[in-house]
Amino acid sequence: MNFYIETVGCQMNTLDSELAAAELINAGWTQVESRKDAQLAIFNTCSVREHAEEKIYSALGRLKHWKTQKPGSLIVVMGCMAQKDKELIFRRAPCVDVVVGPGQIDQLVALVERAAATNNPQIAVSLDRFQRRDDPKAMKESFRQYDPIRMAQTRPRVFQAMTRIMFGCNKFCSYCVVPSVRGPEQSRAPKDILREIRTLADQGAKEIVLLGQTVNSYRYVEGEKVTRLVDLLVEIDKIPEVKRVRFVSAYPTDMTDDLLQAVRDLRTSTPYLHVPAQHGANSMLQRMRRHYTVEQYKDLVERIYATIPGASITSDFIVGFSGETEEEFQQTVDLVRFARFKNSYIFKYSERPGNEASRKFPDDIPEEVKKRRNNELLAVQNQVSYQGNQQFLGKTVEILVEGPSKREMKSVAQEETLYEEGQVADQTVDTMGALAHVPNITTSLEEMTASAARVSGASTQAQTVQMTGRTPCDRIVVFNGSRDMAGSFRRIKISHVGPMFLAGDLTEE
């Protein structure tokens, strides 16, 4: 039997899909690349934005025809939308057979088998975090942890792997649904994390990404011993097969000096930090229930740059949150310029039922104002990114080669970002579209790499393709090379830059 998984949302969802695939393969299923070849269709969903949910429901509506044409086929909805909407999914999309929340992935195989055997819908979700305050232990345990099966074949790239070090979130930002759909904050045991990373390294993983909703809040207590993220990084650094480690996403107030020093000093830690600011005005941060001020965030930025040579910082921002004035929005623009972010993920505010903001604050910013502010902030970020990339001209950088470029793979021009429908000033978005936001930049990525090839005398034979890789500070580099370089470390001399990428030539320097 074959299965197909479609994933939207953040890196947590990407990892959940990988773990779900491993569970199914272990039970004898085969993963395929197209829904038409599958008997089991799985949608791993996101609840961060309303538009993402509506797209899933629309897709489910269309999928009933697929199911009619495939007797015995099954449809699964998993992820944050499954936890949030629960039985509502069966009512809105009667073709769905299984609903499984992110805390119940280890039950997926049993649910699918039961649905197939009984022809009855199956559901497994965690207890409601806010309705079960009478029994917090049972509620917490319902978002259960487990030691996942890890298989190299379920990862897009064998040499890159993600590991979850903690579940859930206790920050309760007013605009966010994550605490309700992902549950309370729980840190995994260090021994389990390290065992999993050693397994990944044995499978060929060279780069490890540690995941958590607020990953630097990691804290595991066993007796009198307390393990924090910095301690975990020290232990991972002792695994010789691991060459790079990064962690996302970090919460500003939990970024301690000793953690920054570890990022600077450890062999494997990379000088890249994703620290969402969300806004540049204290009044809005207070309304968002972010537990810091703009001044504290600026102090963090200065500490990062002072401690870690060559550090790059990325951020998330919400525009058009309830009551946002033009003056408050301009304070966000000012913060982007001050912090010199490598890139930022920028979202128009989307009201989500059930969180504090939906109960207390009206969604009162007109859509056209949200769009204008979104585009303005995106343009400013692209200018900042382009200016930041100028420092690499003429320099040689080491990259981990990831594979052929998106152009080489003939993908669509506009890529999905880390979050469904979030507009991003990032190195992974369509280069031509991003360049249009930056004044006086007219050279395309294709022209840059073609020029780089001419300078280096690169071969135009079929085996030479446009490849991409990442620097330790998470900048995308494009160059002309061969497909068999994927997974290797190479040195590239940078000859051209844009706001989203660096371009250059292979060198032995």
Protein backbone atom coordinates (compact mmCIF):
# COMPACT_ATOMS: atom_id res chain seq x y z
CA MET A 1 0.00 0.00 0.00
CA ASN A 2 1.22 3.49 -0.89
CA PHE A 3 0.87 6.77 0.98
CA TYR A 4 1.39 10.42 0.08
CA ILE A 5 1.92 13.30 2.54
CA GLU A 6 1.29 16.97 1.78
CA THR A 7 2.69 19.37 4.35
CA VAL A 8 2.00 23.04 5.03
CA GLY A 9 3.34 25.19 7.83
CA CYS A 10 6.49 25.42 9.88
CA GLN A 11 9.53 23.22 10.41
CA MET A 12 7.69 21.45 13.23
CA ASN A 13 5.18 20.22 10.65
CA THR A 14 7.95 19.20 8.28
CA LEU A 15 9.48 17.08 11.02
CA ASP A 16 6.08 15.65 12.01
CA SER A 17 5.54 14.54 8.40
CA GLU A 18 8.93 12.84 8.40
CA LEU A 19 8.12 11.02 11.63
CA ALA A 20 4.67 10.01 10.38
CA ALA A 21 6.24 8.65 7.19
CA ALA A 22 8.70 6.60 9.23
CA GLU A 23 5.87 5.11 11.30
CA LEU A 24 4.01 4.08 8.14
CA ILE A 25 7.09 2.67 6.38
CA ASN A 26 7.93 0.70 9.50
CA ALA A 27 4.43 -0.79 9.28
CA GLY A 28 4.95 -1.88 5.67
CA TRP A 29 3.64 1.11 3.70
CA THR A 30 5.50 2.75 0.80
CA GLN A 31 5.84 6.51 0.39
CA VAL A 32 5.17 7.91 -3.10
CA GLU A 33 5.65 11.34 -4.64
CA SER A 34 2.20 11.73 -6.18
CA ARG A 35 -1.29 11.41 -4.77
CA LYS A 36 -2.47 9.58 -7.87
CA ASP A 37 -0.19 6.66 -6.94
CA ALA A 38 -1.38 6.49 -3.32
CA GLN A 39 -4.14 4.70 -1.46
CA LEU A 40 -3.59 6.86 1.64
CA ALA A 41 -3.53 10.68 1.37
CA ILE A 42 -2.31 12.62 4.41
CA PHE A 43 -2.63 16.37 4.93
CA ASN A 44 -0.36 17.79 7.63
CA THR A 45 -1.99 21.10 8.45
CA CYS A 46 -1.30 24.55 9.92
CA SER A 47 -3.55 26.82 12.01
CA VAL A 48 -1.38 29.93 12.17
CA ARG A 49 -3.43 31.69 9.48
CA GLU A 50 -7.05 31.34 8.45
CA HIS A 51 -6.12 31.23 4.77
CA ALA A 52 -3.98 28.13 5.31
CA GLU A 53 -6.93 26.31 6.89
CA GLU A 54 -9.35 27.31 4.15
CA LYS A 55 -6.94 26.03 1.51
CA ILE A 56 -6.87 22.66 3.24
CA TYR A 57 -10.66 22.46 3.44
CA SER A 58 -10.90 23.37 -0.25
CA ALA A 59 -8.37 20.67 -1.10
CA LEU A 60 -10.31 18.13 0.97
CA GLY A 61 -13.46 19.04 -0.91
CA ARG A 62 -11.75 18.32 -4.20
CA LEU A 63 -10.25 15.11 -2.86
CA LYS A 64 -13.60 13.38 -2.50
CA HIS A 65 -13.44 12.73 -6.27
CA TRP A 66 -10.02 11.11 -5.84
CA LYS A 67 -11.45 8.89 -3.13
CA THR A 68 -14.42 7.89 -5.30
CA GLN A 69 -12.07 6.78 -8.05
CA LYS A 70 -9.98 4.73 -5.60
CA PRO A 71 -12.15 2.25 -3.66
CA GLY A 72 -10.65 1.53 -0.26
CA SER A 73 -8.57 4.71 -0.20
CA LEU A 74 -8.28 6.77 2.99
CA ILE A 75 -7.77 10.43 3.86
CA VAL A 76 -5.96 11.59 7.01
CA VAL A 77 -5.83 15.11 8.46
CA MET A 78 -3.04 15.62 10.99
CA GLY A 79 -1.29 18.59 12.53
CA CYS A 80 -2.42 21.77 14.29
CA MET A 81 -5.73 22.13 12.42
CA ALA A 82 -6.60 18.57 13.46
CA GLN A 83 -6.03 19.45 17.11
CA LYS A 84 -7.93 22.74 16.85
CA ASP A 85 -10.99 21.64 14.83
CA LYS A 86 -11.26 18.02 16.00
CA GLU A 87 -14.67 16.52 15.00
CA LEU A 88 -15.53 19.64 13.01
CA ILE A 89 -13.27 18.29 10.27
CA PHE A 90 -15.56 15.28 9.75
CA ARG A 91 -18.55 17.62 9.44
CA ARG A 92 -16.89 20.03 7.02
CA ALA A 93 -15.13 17.30 5.04
CA PRO A 94 -17.07 14.00 5.32
CA CYS A 95 -14.53 12.29 3.05
CA VAL A 96 -11.93 12.37 5.86
CA ASP A 97 -11.33 9.05 7.62
CA VAL A 98 -8.77 9.91 10.31
CA VAL A 99 -8.04 13.03 12.37
CA VAL A 100 -4.86 12.93 14.45
CA GLY A 101 -3.31 15.76 16.48
CA PRO A 102 0.41 16.55 16.65
CA GLY A 103 0.63 14.92 20.08
CA GLN A 104 -0.69 11.59 18.78
CA ILE A 105 1.55 10.77 15.80
CA ASP A 106 2.56 7.45 17.31
CA GLN A 107 -1.09 6.34 16.98
CA LEU A 108 -1.30 7.05 13.25
CA VAL A 109 -0.77 3.49 12.00
CA ALA A 110 -3.33 2.02 14.43
CA LEU A 111 -5.89 4.68 13.47
CA VAL A 112 -5.44 4.04 9.76
CA GLU A 113 -5.74 0.29 10.21
CA ARG A 114 -8.85 0.70 12.34
CA ALA A 115 -10.48 3.05 9.82
CA ALA A 116 -9.78 0.60 7.01
CA ALA A 117 -11.13 -2.35 8.99
CA THR A 118 -14.30 -0.71 10.34
CA ASN A 119 -15.07 1.90 7.66
CA ASN A 120 -15.70 4.31 10.54
CA PRO A 121 -13.95 7.63 11.13
CA GLN A 122 -11.17 7.62 13.73
CA ILE A 123 -9.86 10.47 15.85
CA ALA A 124 -7.01 10.91 18.33
CA VAL A 125 -6.33 14.37 19.71
CA SER A 126 -4.97 15.72 22.97
CA LEU A 127 -7.16 17.04 25.76
CA ASP A 128 -8.20 20.68 25.55
CA ARG A 129 -5.62 22.71 27.42
CA PHE A 130 -8.08 25.30 28.71
CA GLN A 131 -11.07 23.09 29.45
CA ARG A 132 -9.08 20.53 31.47
CA ARG A 133 -7.53 22.79 34.06
CA ASP A 134 -9.02 20.50 36.69
CA ASP A 135 -6.55 17.78 35.67
CA PRO A 136 -3.38 19.44 34.35
CA LYS A 137 -1.36 16.23 34.61
CA ALA A 138 -3.73 14.30 32.35
CA MET A 139 -3.87 17.21 29.92
CA LYS A 140 -0.08 17.45 29.78
CA GLU A 141 0.33 13.71 29.29
CA SER A 142 -2.18 13.76 26.44
CA PHE A 143 0.38 15.77 24.43
CA ARG A 144 2.59 12.79 24.85
CA GLN A 145 6.24 12.44 24.03
CA TYR A 146 7.69 9.36 22.40
CA ASP A 147 10.96 8.20 20.89
CA PRO A 148 10.36 8.53 17.16
CA ILE A 149 11.55 6.17 14.46
CA ARG A 150 14.17 7.94 12.32
CA MET A 151 14.75 6.86 8.73
CA ALA A 152 17.12 8.52 6.28
CA GLN A 153 14.76 7.81 3.37
CA THR A 154 12.04 10.08 4.81
CA ARG A 155 14.30 13.16 4.79
CA PRO A 156 14.61 15.40 1.72
CA ARG A 157 18.38 15.38 2.27
CA VAL A 158 20.14 12.61 4.17
CA PHE A 159 22.89 14.97 5.33
CA GLN A 160 20.49 17.43 7.00
CA ALA A 161 18.16 16.46 9.85
CA MET A 162 15.86 18.08 12.39
CA THR A 163 15.46 16.94 16.00
CA ARG A 164 12.73 18.09 18.35
CA ILE A 165 14.16 18.89 21.78
CA MET A 166 10.95 20.20 23.32
CA PHE A 167 7.21 20.23 22.81
CA GLY A 168 4.61 22.95 23.29
CA CYS A 169 4.78 26.52 24.55
CA ASN A 170 3.96 28.42 27.74
CA LYS A 171 4.44 31.98 26.48
CA PHE A 172 0.77 32.58 25.52
CA CYS A 173 1.33 35.41 23.06
CA SER A 174 -2.10 36.94 22.57
CA TYR A 175 -2.22 36.37 18.79
CA CYS A 176 -1.01 32.75 18.87
CA VAL A 177 -2.80 29.37 18.86
CA VAL A 178 0.33 27.25 19.41
CA PRO A 179 -0.08 26.80 23.20
CA SER A 180 -3.53 25.28 22.63
CA VAL A 181 -2.69 23.07 19.63
CA ARG A 182 0.84 22.02 20.65
CA GLY A 183 0.22 21.86 24.39
CA PRO A 184 2.27 22.87 27.43
CA GLU A 185 6.01 23.25 27.32
CA GLN A 186 7.81 19.93 27.84
CA SER A 187 11.54 19.31 27.39
CA ARG A 188 12.76 15.93 26.20
CA ALA A 189 15.35 14.00 28.21
CA PRO A 190 18.92 14.83 27.07
CA LYS A 191 19.80 11.13 26.75
CA ASP A 192 16.92 10.60 24.32
CA ILE A 193 17.89 13.62 22.24
CA LEU A 194 21.55 12.61 22.09
CA ARG A 195 20.66 9.03 21.18
CA GLU A 196 18.47 10.29 18.35
CA ILE A 197 21.19 12.63 17.06
CA ARG A 198 23.74 9.80 17.10
CA THR A 199 21.29 7.74 15.04
CA LEU A 200 20.90 10.59 12.57
CA ALA A 201 24.68 11.01 12.38
CA ASP A 202 25.10 7.29 11.71
CA GLN A 203 22.62 7.70 8.85
CA GLY A 204 24.79 10.43 7.31
CA ALA A 205 23.45 13.65 8.87
CA LYS A 206 26.12 16.35 9.01
CA GLU A 207 23.87 19.26 9.96
CA ILE A 208 21.40 19.07 12.85
CA VAL A 209 18.62 21.59 13.49
CA LEU A 210 17.24 21.58 17.03
CA LEU A 211 13.54 22.47 17.08
CA GLY A 212 11.34 23.99 19.77
CA GLN A 213 8.60 26.61 19.83
CA THR A 214 10.89 28.61 22.12
CA VAL A 215 13.92 26.40 21.79
CA ASN A 216 16.21 28.34 24.11
CA SER A 217 13.69 27.82 26.92
CA TYR A 218 14.78 24.16 26.97
CA ARG A 219 15.22 22.98 30.56
CA TYR A 220 15.21 19.37 31.71
CA VAL A 221 15.34 18.55 35.42
CA GLU A 222 16.42 15.10 36.65
CA GLY A 223 16.95 14.96 40.38
CA GLU A 224 19.28 17.82 41.20
CA LYS A 225 20.69 18.04 37.69
CA VAL A 226 19.35 20.73 35.37
CA THR A 227 20.17 20.58 31.65
CA ARG A 228 19.73 23.72 29.56
CA LEU A 229 20.18 24.31 25.84
CA VAL A 230 23.77 25.40 26.32
CA ASP A 231 24.55 22.09 28.06
CA LEU A 232 22.88 20.17 25.25
CA LEU A 233 24.98 22.02 22.65
CA VAL A 234 28.16 21.07 24.52
CA GLU A 235 27.23 17.38 24.42
CA ILE A 236 26.23 17.43 20.75
CA ASP A 237 29.56 19.08 19.97
CA LYS A 238 31.26 15.85 21.10
CA ILE A 239 29.67 13.81 18.28
CA PRO A 240 32.39 13.86 15.59
CA GLU A 241 30.13 13.12 12.61
CA VAL A 242 28.05 16.24 13.31
CA LYS A 243 29.59 19.26 11.62
CA ARG A 244 26.93 21.95 12.07
CA VAL A 245 24.22 22.63 14.65
CA ARG A 246 21.64 25.39 14.72
CA PHE A 247 18.46 25.92 16.71
CA VAL A 248 15.09 27.57 16.02
CA SER A 249 13.11 29.47 17.15
CA ALA A 250 14.59 31.42 20.06
CA TYR A 251 12.70 33.65 22.48
CA PRO A 252 14.43 36.99 23.17
CA THR A 253 14.38 36.93 26.99
CA ASP A 254 15.86 33.43 27.16
CA MET A 255 18.98 34.27 25.14
CA THR A 256 21.60 34.17 27.87
CA ASP A 257 25.21 35.30 27.62
CA ASP A 258 26.58 31.80 28.16
CA LEU A 259 24.40 30.52 25.30
CA LEU A 260 25.79 33.21 22.99
CA GLN A 261 29.32 32.31 24.07
CA ALA A 262 28.65 28.65 23.30
CA VAL A 263 27.42 29.57 19.82
CA ARG A 264 30.68 31.49 19.38
CA ASP A 265 33.05 28.87 20.79
CA LEU A 266 31.72 25.39 20.00
CA ARG A 267 33.03 23.60 16.92
CA THR A 268 29.59 22.72 15.57
CA SER A 269 27.47 25.74 16.52
CA THR A 270 26.75 28.11 13.65
CA PRO A 271 26.55 31.92 13.95
CA TYR A 272 22.89 32.08 12.94
CA LEU A 273 20.06 32.98 15.33
CA HIS A 274 16.36 33.21 14.56
CA VAL A 275 14.95 35.47 17.27
CA PRO A 276 11.43 36.73 16.43
CA ALA A 277 10.83 40.31 17.52
CA GLN A 278 7.23 40.48 16.17
CA HIS A 279 7.02 44.27 16.49
CA GLY A 280 9.03 47.42 17.04
CA ALA A 281 6.66 49.33 19.35
CA ASN A 282 6.41 48.68 23.08
CA SER A 283 2.68 49.38 23.06
CA MET A 284 2.14 46.62 20.51
CA LEU A 285 4.51 44.19 22.22
CA GLN A 286 2.50 44.64 25.41
CA ARG A 287 -0.77 44.01 23.56
CA MET A 288 0.79 40.95 21.92
CA ARG A 289 1.90 39.69 25.35
CA ARG A 290 5.53 39.53 24.37
CA HIS A 291 7.49 39.67 27.61
CA TYR A 292 10.16 42.20 26.68
CA THR A 293 10.53 45.78 25.46
CA VAL A 294 12.02 47.10 22.24
CA GLU A 295 14.94 48.42 24.28
CA GLN A 296 15.61 44.94 25.67
CA TYR A 297 15.45 43.45 22.19
CA LYS A 298 17.90 46.05 20.87
CA ASP A 299 20.23 45.25 23.75
CA LEU A 300 20.05 41.57 22.75
CA VAL A 301 20.93 42.44 19.15
CA GLU A 302 23.96 44.40 20.32
CA ARG A 303 25.05 41.54 22.61
CA ILE A 304 24.78 39.05 19.74
CA TYR A 305 26.89 41.15 17.38
CA ALA A 306 29.42 41.94 20.12
CA THR A 307 29.77 38.29 21.18
CA ILE A 308 29.58 36.32 17.93
CA PRO A 309 31.78 37.44 15.01
CA GLY A 310 29.92 37.32 11.72
CA ALA A 311 26.58 36.55 13.36
CA SER A 312 23.39 36.76 11.33
CA ILE A 313 19.99 37.34 12.93
CA THR A 314 16.57 36.70 11.44
CA SER A 315 13.17 37.69 12.77
CA ASP A 316 9.40 37.39 12.42
CA PHE A 317 7.09 40.41 12.23
CA ILE A 318 3.33 40.89 12.30
CA VAL A 319 1.88 43.94 10.57
CA GLY A 320 -1.67 45.17 11.01
CA PHE A 321 -2.21 43.80 14.51
CA SER A 322 -5.19 45.25 16.34
CA GLY A 323 -4.94 49.00 16.82
CA GLU A 324 -1.58 49.41 15.06
CA THR A 325 -1.02 53.06 14.18
CA GLU A 326 1.23 54.41 11.44
CA GLU A 327 3.65 55.62 14.10
CA GLU A 328 3.80 52.17 15.69
CA PHE A 329 4.35 50.55 12.30
CA GLN A 330 7.21 52.94 11.57
CA GLN A 331 8.85 51.84 14.81
CA THR A 332 8.94 48.31 13.36
CA VAL A 333 10.58 49.71 10.22
CA ASP A 334 13.13 51.44 12.44
CA LEU A 335 13.87 48.19 14.29
CA VAL A 336 14.53 46.34 11.03
CA ARG A 337 17.06 49.00 10.03
CA PHE A 338 18.65 49.01 13.49
CA ALA A 339 19.00 45.23 13.82
CA ARG A 340 20.30 44.65 10.26
CA PHE A 341 18.43 41.34 10.01
CA LYS A 342 19.66 38.88 7.40
CA ASN A 343 16.02 38.37 6.52
CA SER A 344 12.60 38.56 8.14
CA TYR A 345 9.39 36.59 7.85
CA ILE A 346 6.61 39.14 7.55
CA PHE A 347 2.93 38.36 8.11
CA LYS A 348 -0.29 40.29 7.86
CA TYR A 349 -2.21 39.77 11.09
CA SER A 350 -4.83 37.03 10.86
CA GLU A 351 -7.29 36.70 13.73
CA ARG A 352 -7.51 33.15 15.05
CA PRO A 353 -10.47 31.95 17.16
CA GLY A 354 -9.74 30.90 20.70
CA ASN A 355 -6.70 33.00 21.52
CA GLU A 356 -6.60 36.07 23.75
CA ALA A 357 -6.43 38.59 20.91
CA SER A 358 -9.63 37.28 19.32
CA ARG A 359 -11.45 37.78 22.63
CA LYS A 360 -10.01 41.17 23.62
CA PHE A 361 -8.96 43.07 20.51
CA PRO A 362 -10.85 43.84 17.30
CA ASP A 363 -9.25 43.00 13.96
CA ASP A 364 -9.64 46.65 12.99
CA ILE A 365 -6.87 47.35 10.48
CA PRO A 366 -8.24 47.38 6.89
CA GLU A 367 -6.83 44.74 4.56
CA GLU A 368 -5.45 47.33 2.14
CA VAL A 369 -3.52 48.95 5.01
CA LYS A 370 -2.12 45.57 6.07
CA LYS A 371 -0.99 44.90 2.49
CA ARG A 372 0.68 48.31 2.17
CA ARG A 373 2.53 47.94 5.45
CA ASN A 374 3.52 44.39 4.58
CA ASN A 375 4.99 45.50 1.24
CA GLU A 376 6.74 48.51 2.77
CA LEU A 377 8.40 46.44 5.47
CA LEU A 378 9.34 43.78 2.93
CA ALA A 379 11.01 46.41 0.75
CA VAL A 380 12.96 47.85 3.69
CA GLN A 381 14.11 44.39 4.74
CA ASN A 382 15.28 43.62 1.20
CA GLN A 383 17.36 46.81 1.20
CA VAL A 384 18.86 45.85 4.56
CA SER A 385 19.57 42.32 3.31
CA TYR A 386 21.26 43.59 0.16
CA GLN A 387 23.44 46.00 2.14
CA GLY A 388 24.38 43.20 4.55
CA ASN A 389 25.41 40.89 1.72
CA GLN A 390 27.84 43.46 0.28
CA GLN A 391 30.40 42.45 2.93
CA PHE A 392 30.88 39.08 1.18
CA LEU A 393 31.99 40.44 -2.21
CA GLY A 394 35.44 39.10 -3.03
CA LYS A 395 35.53 36.85 0.03
CA THR A 396 35.69 33.05 0.13
CA VAL A 397 33.04 31.23 2.16
CA GLU A 398 32.54 27.60 3.09
CA ILE A 399 29.17 26.11 2.26
CA LEU A 400 27.36 22.84 2.80
CA VAL A 401 26.13 22.03 -0.71
CA GLU A 402 22.41 21.24 -0.64
CA GLY A 403 21.75 20.35 -4.26
CA PRO A 404 20.61 21.79 -7.59
CA SER A 405 19.06 25.23 -7.44
CA LYS A 406 15.34 25.80 -7.72
CA ARG A 407 15.80 27.03 -11.26
CA GLU A 408 17.69 23.87 -12.07
CA MET A 409 14.89 21.79 -10.62
CA LYS A 410 12.40 23.78 -12.74
CA SER A 411 10.34 24.66 -9.73
CA VAL A 412 7.77 27.43 -9.69
CA ALA A 413 9.16 30.92 -9.28
CA GLN A 414 7.52 31.61 -5.93
CA GLU A 415 8.57 29.26 -3.16
CA GLU A 416 6.67 28.45 -0.02
CA THR A 417 8.18 30.03 3.11
CA LEU A 418 8.64 28.46 6.60
CA TYR A 419 5.06 29.49 7.35
CA GLU A 420 2.08 29.11 5.04
CA GLU A 421 1.22 32.46 3.38
CA GLY A 422 3.84 34.43 5.29
CA GLN A 423 5.59 36.90 2.97
CA VAL A 424 9.30 36.81 3.57
CA ALA A 425 12.37 38.80 2.74
CA ASP A 426 14.42 35.65 2.59
CA GLN A 427 17.03 33.89 0.50
CA THR A 428 14.57 31.16 -0.50
CA VAL A 429 11.91 33.27 -2.18
CA ASP A 430 11.75 34.02 -5.87
CA THR A 431 14.86 36.01 -6.65
CA MET A 432 13.44 38.07 -9.46
CA GLY A 433 10.46 39.17 -7.42
CA ALA A 434 12.61 40.08 -4.46
CA LEU A 435 15.04 42.09 -6.57
CA ALA A 436 12.20 44.25 -7.77
CA HIS A 437 11.88 45.69 -4.25
CA VAL A 438 15.47 46.95 -4.19
CA PRO A 439 16.24 50.18 -6.07
CA ASN A 440 18.94 50.08 -8.77
CA ILE A 441 19.32 46.31 -8.68
CA THR A 442 18.50 44.89 -12.09
CA THR A 443 20.82 41.91 -12.41
CA SER A 444 19.01 38.58 -12.15
CA LEU A 445 20.30 35.48 -10.42
CA GLU A 446 20.70 33.81 -13.81
CA GLU A 447 22.78 36.70 -15.13
CA MET A 448 24.94 36.72 -12.03
CA THR A 449 25.74 33.03 -12.12
CA ALA A 450 26.27 33.12 -15.88
CA SER A 451 28.72 35.95 -15.38
CA ALA A 452 30.41 34.04 -12.57
CA ALA A 453 30.72 31.05 -14.86
CA ARG A 454 32.31 33.16 -17.58
CA VAL A 455 34.82 34.59 -15.14
CA SER A 456 35.84 31.15 -13.93
CA GLY A 457 35.69 29.51 -17.34
CA ALA A 458 33.14 27.03 -16.00
CA SER A 459 32.12 24.25 -18.35
CA THR A 460 28.84 24.49 -20.21
CA GLN A 461 28.63 20.72 -20.54
CA ALA A 462 25.49 18.94 -19.35
CA GLN A 463 27.08 17.77 -16.12
CA THR A 464 27.56 21.37 -14.96
CA VAL A 465 24.45 22.66 -13.24
CA GLN A 466 23.51 25.55 -10.99
CA MET A 467 23.95 24.33 -7.40
CA THR A 468 23.12 25.91 -4.04
CA GLY A 469 24.47 25.65 -0.54
CA ARG A 470 24.43 27.50 2.77
CA THR A 471 27.11 29.29 4.71
CA PRO A 472 27.39 28.79 8.49
CA CYS A 473 25.49 32.09 8.87
CA ASP A 474 22.64 30.64 6.75
CA ARG A 475 23.15 32.61 3.56
CA ILE A 476 22.28 30.89 0.31
CA VAL A 477 25.15 30.63 -2.19
CA VAL A 478 24.67 29.68 -5.85
CA PHE A 479 27.47 28.40 -8.07
CA ASN A 480 28.09 26.19 -11.06
CA GLY A 481 29.00 22.65 -10.07
CA SER A 482 27.84 19.05 -10.30
CA ARG A 483 25.01 17.18 -8.62
CA ASP A 484 27.37 14.77 -6.88
CA MET A 485 28.64 17.65 -4.73
CA ALA A 486 25.43 17.58 -2.65
CA GLY A 487 26.25 16.88 0.98
CA SER A 488 29.86 18.01 0.71
CA PHE A 489 31.56 21.12 2.06
CA ARG A 490 32.96 23.43 -0.63
CA ARG A 491 34.66 26.79 -0.78
CA ILE A 492 33.14 29.50 -2.97
CA LYS A 493 34.65 32.86 -3.86
CA ILE A 494 31.80 35.37 -3.98
CA SER A 495 31.65 37.59 -7.05
CA HIS A 496 28.03 38.80 -7.03
CA VAL A 497 25.38 39.43 -4.37
CA GLY A 498 21.67 40.14 -4.24
CA PRO A 499 19.39 40.64 -1.25
CA MET A 500 18.47 36.95 -1.23
CA PHE A 501 21.68 35.18 -2.17
CA LEU A 502 25.39 35.21 -2.86
CA ALA A 503 26.85 33.90 -6.13
CA GLY A 504 30.38 32.83 -6.96
CA ASP A 505 32.82 30.19 -8.11
CA LEU A 506 34.39 27.06 -6.70
CA THR A 507 37.87 27.70 -5.38
CA GLU A 508 40.61 25.86 -3.56
CA GLU A 509 41.59 28.95 -1.55
